[in-house]
Amino acid sequence: MAFGKRRSTYDNTNSGILFEVENPASQKHPSYKGSLNVGGVDYWISGWDKETKAGPALSLKIEKKQDRRSEEDVHHQDMAPATQASFSDERNEPPPPKSEEEYWEPDKPV
């Protein structure tokens, strides 16, 4: 089988993996990135090399995979075109159709 197409039968619950990031853009970017599963819930994990008084350390940040997607969805919604319909109704339903009198007809003078 080709690399990456093999299906794993291994139970990945309560385990994870970190990969070293080659040439991080700055010290603010993680030195390591990967994924983690705890109790059947998937997380993203990022790590930074740190120097402490006690010696070298690895600082970690963990985010639920679903949370990151939600943040990206919100970001994409913020950047949606202005032509997209937006409903202020709490039920997220479009407003009722206009009555016939409210429609403009080209044959009628305004």
C-alpha atoms as a PDB file:
ATOM      1  CA  MET A   1       0.000   0.000   0.000  1.00  0.00           C
ATOM      2  CA  ALA A   2       1.084   3.558  -0.641  1.00  0.00           C
ATOM      3  CA  PHE A   3       2.288   5.658   2.255  1.00  0.00           C
ATOM      4  CA  GLY A   4      -0.560   7.524   3.955  1.00  0.00           C
ATOM      5  CA  LYS A   5      -3.307   5.282   2.593  1.00  0.00           C
ATOM      6  CA  ARG A   6      -2.861   2.471   5.084  1.00  0.00           C
ATOM      7  CA  ARG A   7      -5.662   2.113   7.620  1.00  0.00           C
ATOM      8  CA  SER A   8      -4.538   1.721  11.208  1.00  0.00           C
ATOM      9  CA  THR A   9      -6.234  -0.860  13.395  1.00  0.00           C
ATOM     10  CA  TYR A  10      -4.303   0.467  16.393  1.00  0.00           C
ATOM     11  CA  ASP A  11      -6.379   2.131  19.113  1.00  0.00           C
ATOM     12  CA  ASN A  12      -5.114   5.725  19.265  1.00  0.00           C
ATOM     13  CA  THR A  13      -7.173   6.595  22.359  1.00  0.00           C
ATOM     14  CA  ASN A  14      -5.128   8.329  25.069  1.00  0.00           C
ATOM     15  CA  SER A  15      -2.100   8.818  22.850  1.00  0.00           C
ATOM     16  CA  GLY A  16      -0.612  11.466  20.599  1.00  0.00           C
ATOM     17  CA  ILE A  17       2.296  12.486  18.426  1.00  0.00           C
ATOM     18  CA  LEU A  18       4.418  15.624  18.015  1.00  0.00           C
ATOM     19  CA  PHE A  19       6.455  16.482  14.940  1.00  0.00           C
ATOM     20  CA  GLU A  20       9.304  18.975  14.911  1.00  0.00           C
ATOM     21  CA  VAL A  21       8.574  22.083  12.868  1.00  0.00           C
ATOM     22  CA  GLU A  22      11.512  22.816  10.603  1.00  0.00           C
ATOM     23  CA  ASN A  23      12.506  26.493  10.626  1.00  0.00           C
ATOM     24  CA  PRO A  24       9.684  28.101  12.643  1.00  0.00           C
ATOM     25  CA  ALA A  25       9.072  31.656  11.387  1.00  0.00           C
ATOM     26  CA  SER A  26       9.691  33.159  14.849  1.00  0.00           C
ATOM     27  CA  GLN A  27       9.948  32.221  18.509  1.00  0.00           C
ATOM     28  CA  LYS A  28       6.198  32.767  18.755  1.00  0.00           C
ATOM     29  CA  HIS A  29       5.586  29.904  16.320  1.00  0.00           C
ATOM     30  CA  PRO A  30       5.645  26.397  17.821  1.00  0.00           C
ATOM     31  CA  SER A  31       8.736  24.211  17.579  1.00  0.00           C
ATOM     32  CA  TYR A  32       6.515  21.113  17.513  1.00  0.00           C
ATOM     33  CA  LYS A  33       2.997  20.368  16.245  1.00  0.00           C
ATOM     34  CA  GLY A  34       0.832  17.290  16.374  1.00  0.00           C
ATOM     35  CA  SER A  35      -2.354  15.700  17.587  1.00  0.00           C
ATOM     36  CA  LEU A  36      -3.514  14.071  20.770  1.00  0.00           C
ATOM     37  CA  ASN A  37      -6.474  11.929  21.780  1.00  0.00           C
ATOM     38  CA  VAL A  38      -7.672  11.878  25.371  1.00  0.00           C
ATOM     39  CA  GLY A  39     -10.674   9.750  26.271  1.00  0.00           C
ATOM     40  CA  GLY A  40     -11.803   9.601  22.635  1.00  0.00           C
ATOM     41  CA  VAL A  41     -11.644  13.404  22.149  1.00  0.00           C
ATOM     42  CA  ASP A  42      -9.206  14.713  19.513  1.00  0.00           C
ATOM     43  CA  TYR A  43      -6.952  17.687  20.217  1.00  0.00           C
ATOM     44  CA  TRP A  44      -4.283  19.715  18.416  1.00  0.00           C
ATOM     45  CA  ILE A  45      -1.058  20.036  20.389  1.00  0.00           C
ATOM     46  CA  SER A  46       1.702  22.612  19.911  1.00  0.00           C
ATOM     47  CA  GLY A  47       5.010  22.811  21.739  1.00  0.00           C
ATOM     48  CA  TRP A  48       7.681  25.475  22.217  1.00  0.00           C
ATOM     49  CA  ASP A  49      11.283  24.928  23.352  1.00  0.00           C
ATOM     50  CA  LYS A  50      11.887  27.036  26.466  1.00  0.00           C
ATOM     51  CA  GLU A  51      14.876  27.784  28.645  1.00  0.00           C
ATOM     52  CA  THR A  52      14.022  27.906  32.348  1.00  0.00           C
ATOM     53  CA  LYS A  53      16.043  28.221  35.551  1.00  0.00           C
ATOM     54  CA  ALA A  54      15.634  24.464  35.985  1.00  0.00           C
ATOM     55  CA  GLY A  55      16.928  23.831  32.447  1.00  0.00           C
ATOM     56  CA  PRO A  56      15.412  23.177  29.023  1.00  0.00           C
ATOM     57  CA  ALA A  57      11.661  22.614  28.956  1.00  0.00           C
ATOM     58  CA  LEU A  58       8.805  22.126  26.531  1.00  0.00           C
ATOM     59  CA  SER A  59       5.809  24.468  26.856  1.00  0.00           C
ATOM     60  CA  LEU A  60       2.552  23.009  25.489  1.00  0.00           C
ATOM     61  CA  LYS A  61      -0.769  24.324  24.197  1.00  0.00           C
ATOM     62  CA  ILE A  62      -3.709  22.006  23.576  1.00  0.00           C
ATOM     63  CA  GLU A  63      -6.909  22.868  21.632  1.00  0.00           C
ATOM     64  CA  LYS A  64      -9.912  20.717  20.814  1.00  0.00           C
ATOM     65  CA  LYS A  65      -9.918  20.036  17.083  1.00  0.00           C
ATOM     66  CA  GLN A  66     -13.596  21.007  16.920  1.00  0.00           C
ATOM     67  CA  ASP A  67     -12.885  24.343  18.670  1.00  0.00           C
ATOM     68  CA  ARG A  68     -10.258  25.349  16.121  1.00  0.00           C
ATOM     69  CA  ARG A  69     -12.653  24.584  13.272  1.00  0.00           C
ATOM     70  CA  SER A  70     -15.341  26.641  14.983  1.00  0.00           C
ATOM     71  CA  GLU A  71     -12.962  29.610  15.251  1.00  0.00           C
ATOM     72  CA  GLU A  72     -12.082  29.228  11.562  1.00  0.00           C
ATOM     73  CA  ASP A  73     -15.781  29.048  10.660  1.00  0.00           C
ATOM     74  CA  VAL A  74     -16.439  32.261  12.601  1.00  0.00           C
ATOM     75  CA  HIS A  75     -13.497  33.908  10.839  1.00  0.00           C
ATOM     76  CA  HIS A  76     -14.828  32.835   7.433  1.00  0.00           C
ATOM     77  CA  GLN A  77     -18.307  34.086   8.313  1.00  0.00           C
ATOM     78  CA  ASP A  78     -16.824  37.472   9.213  1.00  0.00           C
ATOM     79  CA  MET A  79     -15.202  37.598   5.778  1.00  0.00           C
ATOM     80  CA  ALA A  80     -18.341  36.469   3.926  1.00  0.00           C
ATOM     81  CA  PRO A  81     -19.469  38.665   1.020  1.00  0.00           C
ATOM     82  CA  ALA A  82     -21.951  41.411   1.848  1.00  0.00           C
ATOM     83  CA  THR A  83     -24.432  39.847  -0.572  1.00  0.00           C
ATOM     84  CA  GLN A  84     -24.928  36.886   1.748  1.00  0.00           C
ATOM     85  CA  ALA A  85     -28.319  36.944   3.470  1.00  0.00           C
ATOM     86  CA  SER A  86     -28.223  37.788   7.145  1.00  0.00           C
ATOM     87  CA  PHE A  87     -31.218  37.239   9.370  1.00  0.00           C
ATOM     88  CA  SER A  88     -31.543  38.959  12.712  1.00  0.00           C
ATOM     89  CA  ASP A  89     -34.433  36.744  13.766  1.00  0.00           C
ATOM     90  CA  GLU A  90     -33.435  34.404  16.614  1.00  0.00           C
ATOM     91  CA  ARG A  91     -34.872  31.462  14.676  1.00  0.00           C
ATOM     92  CA  ASN A  92     -32.512  32.267  11.797  1.00  0.00           C
ATOM     93  CA  GLU A  93     -35.399  32.321   9.324  1.00  0.00           C
ATOM     94  CA  PRO A  94     -35.850  34.744   6.422  1.00  0.00           C
ATOM     95  CA  PRO A  95     -38.420  37.525   6.800  1.00  0.00           C
ATOM     96  CA  PRO A  96     -41.901  36.836   5.400  1.00  0.00           C
ATOM     97  CA  PRO A  97     -42.452  37.693   1.734  1.00  0.00           C
ATOM     98  CA  LYS A  98     -43.634  41.199   0.877  1.00  0.00           C
ATOM     99  CA  SER A  99     -47.240  41.815  -0.045  1.00  0.00           C
ATOM    100  CA  GLU A 100     -48.068  42.490  -3.711  1.00  0.00           C
ATOM    101  CA  GLU A 101     -48.439  46.237  -3.000  1.00  0.00           C
ATOM    102  CA  GLU A 102     -44.837  46.427  -1.760  1.00  0.00           C
ATOM    103  CA  TYR A 103     -43.331  45.137  -5.014  1.00  0.00           C
ATOM    104  CA  TRP A 104     -42.308  47.674  -7.625  1.00  0.00           C
ATOM    105  CA  GLU A 105     -43.637  46.997 -11.088  1.00  0.00           C
ATOM    106  CA  PRO A 106     -41.893  48.573 -14.095  1.00  0.00           C
ATOM    107  CA  ASP A 107     -45.196  49.395 -15.864  1.00  0.00           C
ATOM    108  CA  LYS A 108     -46.481  51.467 -12.936  1.00  0.00           C
ATOM    109  CA  PRO A 109     -45.237  55.008 -12.319  1.00  0.00           C
ATOM    110  CA  VAL A 110     -43.477  55.525  -9.031  1.00  0.00           C
END
